Amino acid sequence: MKTLRSITTFVLLGATAGFLSSSATGQQAKPVDTTPSKHLEVIHHPDYDKTVFMPFVPAIKIKSGKILWLAGGTALPVYHDHPHKRDQLQKYMVNDLEQQVRQAMDGIKQTVEAAGGSMKDVVHLFIFRARPRMGDIGKASFVVNEYFKPYNHKPTTTNLAVLELGEPEQLVEIQAFAVID
């Protein structure tokens, strides 16, 4: 019951924030193509209980297209200095999991679009979280799911807690693959 209330609260907060942000700017949201990707087929079990909320699907069959395998994305911009510069780390890797997930997903979205695809073409995400705390998997999943809601699409996911990532400030790294033309 407590978990259901938390999910409901997150959904209502997200919907309210979306409504307020579009109302405040006076702009209407752009229409999004919600037709399923022609390359993918979502696989469910025959006895799938549709009343159960799942932020991901059990499997996606690749029917056609080319695989686009993305490098791990972090809160840093896609193009950033190597070795990492301290000022960039401090600017982009703030101690906020949701913000780091959002920035990583923005980079993934930009890369998929640069390859001629969209988020509905994403098949799988590997989400690596460092310094995990109770509730982090839900926080990360909530942000990630916002990127797929406009397409009525859910990729498969692997969500892992790890001891550490590339930098001490880094809370998340997300790797993705998609199937596009």
Protein backbone atom coordinates (compact mmCIF):
# COMPACT_ATOMS: atom_id res chain seq x y z
CA MET A 1 0.00 0.00 0.00
CA LYS A 2 2.82 2.39 0.94
CA THR A 3 4.59 1.67 -2.38
CA LEU A 4 1.36 2.24 -4.33
CA ARG A 5 0.90 5.60 -2.60
CA SER A 6 4.50 6.57 -3.44
CA ILE A 7 4.05 5.65 -7.10
CA THR A 8 0.75 7.53 -7.26
CA THR A 9 2.38 10.58 -5.67
CA PHE A 10 5.25 10.48 -8.18
CA VAL A 11 2.84 10.17 -11.10
CA LEU A 12 0.68 13.06 -9.86
CA LEU A 13 3.73 15.25 -9.23
CA GLY A 14 5.09 14.47 -12.69
CA ALA A 15 1.77 15.20 -14.37
CA THR A 16 1.37 18.44 -12.42
CA ALA A 17 4.91 19.55 -13.26
CA GLY A 18 4.33 18.82 -16.95
CA PHE A 19 1.05 20.72 -16.94
CA LEU A 20 2.51 23.70 -15.10
CA SER A 21 5.61 23.90 -17.30
CA SER A 22 3.54 23.89 -20.52
CA SER A 23 1.01 26.33 -19.00
CA ALA A 24 3.72 28.68 -17.75
CA THR A 25 5.34 28.95 -21.17
CA GLY A 26 2.00 29.17 -22.96
CA GLN A 27 3.20 26.54 -25.42
CA GLN A 28 1.42 23.40 -26.45
CA ALA A 29 3.36 20.15 -26.37
CA LYS A 30 4.47 18.96 -29.80
CA PRO A 31 2.60 15.90 -31.06
CA VAL A 32 4.69 12.75 -30.81
CA ASP A 33 4.52 9.73 -33.08
CA THR A 34 3.20 6.94 -30.83
CA THR A 35 3.06 4.25 -33.51
CA PRO A 36 5.14 1.26 -32.45
CA SER A 37 8.58 0.91 -33.98
CA LYS A 38 8.32 -1.27 -37.06
CA HIS A 39 11.55 -2.97 -36.03
CA LEU A 40 10.40 -4.21 -32.64
CA GLU A 41 7.78 -6.51 -31.19
CA VAL A 42 6.99 -6.46 -27.47
CA ILE A 43 6.78 -9.94 -25.99
CA HIS A 44 4.41 -10.71 -23.11
CA HIS A 45 3.50 -14.04 -21.53
CA PRO A 46 0.10 -15.46 -22.53
CA ASP A 47 -1.22 -15.07 -18.96
CA TYR A 48 0.11 -11.51 -18.56
CA ASP A 49 -1.87 -9.63 -15.87
CA LYS A 50 -2.42 -6.20 -17.43
CA THR A 51 -3.47 -4.72 -14.09
CA VAL A 52 0.14 -5.00 -12.79
CA PHE A 53 2.23 -1.87 -13.43
CA MET A 54 5.65 -2.62 -14.91
CA PRO A 55 8.12 0.12 -15.87
CA PHE A 56 9.65 -2.26 -18.44
CA VAL A 57 8.63 -5.19 -20.62
CA PRO A 58 9.95 -8.77 -20.27
CA ALA A 59 11.33 -8.97 -23.82
CA ILE A 60 11.48 -7.19 -27.16
CA LYS A 61 11.94 -9.14 -30.39
CA ILE A 62 14.05 -7.43 -33.03
CA LYS A 63 12.29 -8.01 -36.36
CA SER A 64 14.45 -5.83 -38.63
CA GLY A 65 16.73 -2.81 -38.71
CA LYS A 66 20.27 -2.14 -37.58
CA ILE A 67 21.53 -2.23 -34.01
CA LEU A 68 22.80 1.04 -32.59
CA TRP A 69 24.91 0.38 -29.48
CA LEU A 70 25.53 3.54 -27.46
CA ALA A 71 28.48 4.26 -25.21
CA GLY A 72 27.68 4.64 -21.53
CA GLY A 73 26.10 8.04 -20.88
CA THR A 74 26.69 10.09 -17.77
CA ALA A 75 25.63 13.49 -16.47
CA LEU A 76 28.52 15.00 -18.47
CA PRO A 77 27.71 16.29 -21.96
CA VAL A 78 28.16 13.64 -24.67
CA TYR A 79 31.29 15.47 -25.86
CA HIS A 80 33.51 16.30 -22.91
CA ASP A 81 37.22 16.39 -22.14
CA HIS A 82 39.30 13.30 -21.39
CA PRO A 83 40.82 13.03 -18.95
CA HIS A 84 37.88 14.61 -17.17
CA LYS A 85 38.33 18.15 -15.96
CA ARG A 86 37.50 18.96 -12.36
CA ASP A 87 35.37 22.03 -13.24
CA GLN A 88 33.22 19.97 -15.64
CA LEU A 89 32.69 17.28 -13.02
CA GLN A 90 31.65 19.83 -10.42
CA LYS A 91 29.32 21.60 -12.86
CA TYR A 92 27.50 18.55 -14.24
CA MET A 93 27.83 15.84 -11.60
CA VAL A 94 25.92 17.40 -8.73
CA ASN A 95 24.91 15.15 -5.85
CA ASP A 96 21.39 14.55 -7.22
CA LEU A 97 20.55 11.15 -8.71
CA GLU A 98 17.47 12.31 -10.62
CA GLN A 99 19.35 15.22 -12.20
CA GLN A 100 22.25 12.97 -13.24
CA VAL A 101 19.82 10.41 -14.72
CA ARG A 102 18.02 13.18 -16.63
CA GLN A 103 21.28 14.54 -18.04
CA ALA A 104 22.43 11.03 -19.05
CA MET A 105 19.07 10.34 -20.73
CA ASP A 106 19.23 13.69 -22.56
CA GLY A 107 22.57 12.61 -24.04
CA ILE A 108 21.18 9.19 -24.99
CA LYS A 109 18.17 10.84 -26.66
CA GLN A 110 20.44 13.21 -28.62
CA THR A 111 22.62 10.32 -29.79
CA VAL A 112 19.69 8.13 -30.87
CA GLU A 113 18.21 11.09 -32.77
CA ALA A 114 21.60 11.85 -34.39
CA ALA A 115 21.53 8.27 -35.74
CA GLY A 116 18.06 8.86 -37.26
CA GLY A 117 16.02 7.14 -34.55
CA SER A 118 13.84 8.12 -31.63
CA MET A 119 13.37 6.88 -28.09
CA LYS A 120 10.73 4.41 -29.32
CA ASP A 121 13.60 2.57 -31.06
CA VAL A 122 15.47 1.94 -27.78
CA VAL A 123 15.46 -1.77 -26.97
CA HIS A 124 17.44 -2.00 -23.74
CA LEU A 125 18.99 0.18 -21.04
CA PHE A 126 21.70 -0.85 -18.59
CA ILE A 127 21.45 1.52 -15.61
CA PHE A 128 24.42 1.49 -13.24
CA ARG A 129 23.93 3.38 -9.95
CA ALA A 130 26.77 4.12 -7.53
CA ARG A 131 26.39 4.78 -3.79
CA PRO A 132 22.88 3.30 -3.79
CA ARG A 133 20.33 4.21 -1.16
CA MET A 134 16.89 2.82 -0.48
CA GLY A 135 14.46 4.07 -3.11
CA ASP A 136 17.10 4.94 -5.71
CA ILE A 137 15.95 2.29 -8.17
CA GLY A 138 12.47 3.83 -8.16
CA LYS A 139 13.82 7.37 -8.52
CA ALA A 140 16.01 6.41 -11.46
CA SER A 141 13.24 4.37 -13.11
CA PHE A 142 10.74 7.23 -12.75
CA VAL A 143 13.04 9.66 -14.59
CA VAL A 144 13.96 7.10 -17.27
CA ASN A 145 10.30 6.25 -17.92
CA GLU A 146 9.49 9.92 -18.64
CA TYR A 147 11.62 9.65 -21.80
CA PHE A 148 9.47 6.82 -23.16
CA LYS A 149 5.96 7.91 -22.07
CA PRO A 150 5.34 10.12 -25.14
CA TYR A 151 5.87 7.06 -27.33
CA ASN A 152 3.85 4.67 -25.16
CA HIS A 153 7.00 2.52 -25.18
CA LYS A 154 8.91 0.63 -22.51
CA PRO A 155 12.32 -0.85 -23.25
CA THR A 156 13.78 -3.77 -21.35
CA THR A 157 16.12 -2.67 -18.55
CA THR A 158 18.83 -3.92 -16.26
CA ASN A 159 19.19 -1.73 -13.16
CA LEU A 160 22.33 -2.39 -11.10
CA ALA A 161 23.85 -0.96 -7.95
CA VAL A 162 27.63 -0.86 -8.21
CA LEU A 163 30.42 -0.03 -5.80
CA GLU A 164 31.78 2.85 -7.85
CA LEU A 165 31.77 4.41 -11.30
CA GLY A 166 34.40 6.47 -13.16
CA GLU A 167 34.41 9.53 -10.91
CA PRO A 168 33.69 10.04 -7.19
CA GLU A 169 30.83 12.46 -8.01
CA GLN A 170 29.26 10.10 -10.54
CA LEU A 171 26.00 8.54 -9.34
CA VAL A 172 24.83 6.93 -12.60
CA GLU A 173 25.92 5.65 -15.98
CA ILE A 174 23.40 4.45 -18.54
CA GLN A 175 24.18 2.35 -21.58
CA ALA A 176 21.59 1.80 -24.29
CA PHE A 177 21.00 0.05 -27.53
CA ALA A 178 18.39 0.75 -30.14
CA VAL A 179 17.27 -0.67 -33.47
CA ILE A 180 16.84 1.80 -36.33
CA ASP A 181 16.94 1.89 -40.15
